[in-house]
Structure formats: C-alpha cells, structure tokens
Amino acid sequence: MWSAKAARHSNALDLEVGVFTWDDPKKIALSLKRSAEQSGRRKAPPFQSAMSMINFYINRAGKGLPQSRLAILNRAKEELRRAFGK
C-alpha cells in the first residue's frame, strides 16, 4: 500500500509501535510530541508534523475507522494542541 511506503520512506516521524491503537488520547499526544521534537527528518515545525501524522492516519483509515477510534484520535488532537500550548 502506498501509504505504508510513504510512512517508511518519507520525512515521516519515527513513531512508537501501535501509537494509534492506544486508548489514552493524552498518551498518544505526548508520544507524537516526543517523536516530532526528536525527529531529524521532519521538514515542518514539531506541532505541524505531529498533527499531520494523526490526520494522515485518520485519512488513510477512511470509513473503515470505527467511531470509537475516531473519537479517541480527535481527543488526541485536542491533547496535542494543549501539549504544544495552542
């Protein structure tokens, strides 16, 4: 799948395994924040890179993403904004 290839061979962040399957939105957000701040490959600022990864995951999952998972990821976006003071 092109999205998996893009994540492996692009300037994507190095994410913790299974980060988007976790049930704790704050834990997801803090993990993405850490990954974005530590990445030497990102081209955008850390907040933008981390938010892009959540949106990329949501968009690739499409209609197959259960509403419960989408709700957790949307809360993770809120936590990410809070973590970056936005």
C-alpha atoms as a PDB file:
ATOM      1  CA  MET A   1       0.000   0.000   0.000  1.00  0.00           C
ATOM      2  CA  TRP A   2       1.349   3.426  -0.942  1.00  0.00           C
ATOM      3  CA  SER A   3       0.580   4.940   2.467  1.00  0.00           C
ATOM      4  CA  ALA A   4       2.761   2.387   4.275  1.00  0.00           C
ATOM      5  CA  LYS A   5       5.562   3.021   1.787  1.00  0.00           C
ATOM      6  CA  ALA A   6       5.156   6.767   2.245  1.00  0.00           C
ATOM      7  CA  ALA A   7       5.387   6.426   6.015  1.00  0.00           C
ATOM      8  CA  ARG A   8       8.559   4.308   5.757  1.00  0.00           C
ATOM      9  CA  HIS A   9      10.431   6.248   3.075  1.00  0.00           C
ATOM     10  CA  SER A  10       9.390   9.843   3.583  1.00  0.00           C
ATOM     11  CA  ASN A  11      10.160  12.501   6.118  1.00  0.00           C
ATOM     12  CA  ALA A  12       7.574  10.895   8.379  1.00  0.00           C
ATOM     13  CA  LEU A  13       8.249  10.747  12.075  1.00  0.00           C
ATOM     14  CA  ASP A  14       9.601   7.665  13.815  1.00  0.00           C
ATOM     15  CA  LEU A  15       6.545   6.670  15.820  1.00  0.00           C
ATOM     16  CA  GLU A  16       6.212   4.301  18.745  1.00  0.00           C
ATOM     17  CA  VAL A  17       4.779   0.954  17.680  1.00  0.00           C
ATOM     18  CA  GLY A  18       0.984   0.905  17.872  1.00  0.00           C
ATOM     19  CA  VAL A  19       0.646   4.549  18.920  1.00  0.00           C
ATOM     20  CA  PHE A  20      -2.645   4.967  17.041  1.00  0.00           C
ATOM     21  CA  THR A  21      -4.145   1.880  18.686  1.00  0.00           C
ATOM     22  CA  TRP A  22      -3.710   3.159  22.240  1.00  0.00           C
ATOM     23  CA  ASP A  23      -6.841   4.100  24.194  1.00  0.00           C
ATOM     24  CA  ASP A  24      -5.386   7.074  26.085  1.00  0.00           C
ATOM     25  CA  PRO A  25      -5.568  10.289  23.977  1.00  0.00           C
ATOM     26  CA  LYS A  26      -3.066  12.091  26.206  1.00  0.00           C
ATOM     27  CA  LYS A  27      -0.552   9.233  25.886  1.00  0.00           C
ATOM     28  CA  ILE A  28      -0.957   9.311  22.089  1.00  0.00           C
ATOM     29  CA  ALA A  29      -0.454  13.086  22.003  1.00  0.00           C
ATOM     30  CA  LEU A  30       2.630  13.045  24.221  1.00  0.00           C
ATOM     31  CA  SER A  31       4.179  10.234  22.193  1.00  0.00           C
ATOM     32  CA  LEU A  32       3.622  12.152  18.946  1.00  0.00           C
ATOM     33  CA  LYS A  33       5.010  15.317  20.541  1.00  0.00           C
ATOM     34  CA  ARG A  34       8.137  13.453  21.651  1.00  0.00           C
ATOM     35  CA  SER A  35       8.588  11.893  18.204  1.00  0.00           C
ATOM     36  CA  ALA A  36       8.150  15.231  16.441  1.00  0.00           C
ATOM     37  CA  GLU A  37      10.577  17.057  18.714  1.00  0.00           C
ATOM     38  CA  GLN A  38      13.229  14.342  18.387  1.00  0.00           C
ATOM     39  CA  SER A  39      12.932  13.827  14.638  1.00  0.00           C
ATOM     40  CA  GLY A  40      15.808  14.937  12.459  1.00  0.00           C
ATOM     41  CA  ARG A  41      13.854  14.192   9.276  1.00  0.00           C
ATOM     42  CA  ARG A  42      10.834  16.441   9.645  1.00  0.00           C
ATOM     43  CA  LYS A  43      10.548  19.500   7.436  1.00  0.00           C
ATOM     44  CA  ALA A  44       7.761  21.267   9.337  1.00  0.00           C
ATOM     45  CA  PRO A  45       7.670  22.524  12.938  1.00  0.00           C
ATOM     46  CA  PRO A  46       7.054  19.803  15.569  1.00  0.00           C
ATOM     47  CA  PHE A  47       3.388  20.663  16.182  1.00  0.00           C
ATOM     48  CA  GLN A  48       2.539  20.607  12.497  1.00  0.00           C
ATOM     49  CA  SER A  49       4.415  17.342  11.966  1.00  0.00           C
ATOM     50  CA  ALA A  50       2.688  15.604  14.873  1.00  0.00           C
ATOM     51  CA  MET A  51      -0.776  16.833  13.864  1.00  0.00           C
ATOM     52  CA  SER A  52      -0.112  15.765  10.279  1.00  0.00           C
ATOM     53  CA  MET A  53       0.617  12.222  11.428  1.00  0.00           C
ATOM     54  CA  ILE A  54      -2.739  11.943  13.223  1.00  0.00           C
ATOM     55  CA  ASN A  55      -4.563  13.342  10.207  1.00  0.00           C
ATOM     56  CA  PHE A  56      -2.629  11.056   7.851  1.00  0.00           C
ATOM     57  CA  TYR A  57      -3.668   8.028   9.907  1.00  0.00           C
ATOM     58  CA  ILE A  58      -7.321   9.112  10.067  1.00  0.00           C
ATOM     59  CA  ASN A  59      -7.461   9.834   6.345  1.00  0.00           C
ATOM     60  CA  ARG A  60      -5.822   6.532   5.364  1.00  0.00           C
ATOM     61  CA  ALA A  61      -8.197   4.558   7.578  1.00  0.00           C
ATOM     62  CA  GLY A  62     -11.143   6.281   5.934  1.00  0.00           C
ATOM     63  CA  LYS A  63     -14.625   4.951   6.519  1.00  0.00           C
ATOM     64  CA  GLY A  64     -13.202   1.741   7.995  1.00  0.00           C
ATOM     65  CA  LEU A  65     -12.138   3.584  11.136  1.00  0.00           C
ATOM     66  CA  PRO A  66     -14.588   2.785  13.955  1.00  0.00           C
ATOM     67  CA  GLN A  67     -16.300   5.818  15.501  1.00  0.00           C
ATOM     68  CA  SER A  68     -14.838   4.918  18.898  1.00  0.00           C
ATOM     69  CA  ARG A  69     -11.272   5.039  17.481  1.00  0.00           C
ATOM     70  CA  LEU A  70     -12.005   8.290  15.628  1.00  0.00           C
ATOM     71  CA  ALA A  71     -13.256   9.835  18.882  1.00  0.00           C
ATOM     72  CA  ILE A  72     -10.041   8.835  20.682  1.00  0.00           C
ATOM     73  CA  LEU A  73      -7.886  10.255  17.880  1.00  0.00           C
ATOM     74  CA  ASN A  74      -9.860  13.505  17.817  1.00  0.00           C
ATOM     75  CA  ARG A  75      -9.346  13.813  21.571  1.00  0.00           C
ATOM     76  CA  ALA A  76      -5.642  13.112  20.970  1.00  0.00           C
ATOM     77  CA  LYS A  77      -5.598  16.090  18.590  1.00  0.00           C
ATOM     78  CA  GLU A  78      -7.034  18.260  21.373  1.00  0.00           C
ATOM     79  CA  GLU A  79      -4.401  16.926  23.800  1.00  0.00           C
ATOM     80  CA  LEU A  80      -1.684  17.604  21.223  1.00  0.00           C
ATOM     81  CA  ARG A  81      -2.812  21.224  20.910  1.00  0.00           C
ATOM     82  CA  ARG A  82      -2.757  21.506  24.698  1.00  0.00           C
ATOM     83  CA  ALA A  83       0.705  19.904  24.910  1.00  0.00           C
ATOM     84  CA  PHE A  84       2.069  22.448  22.439  1.00  0.00           C
ATOM     85  CA  GLY A  85       0.233  25.358  24.100  1.00  0.00           C
ATOM     86  CA  LYS A  86      -2.041  26.001  21.126  1.00  0.00           C
END
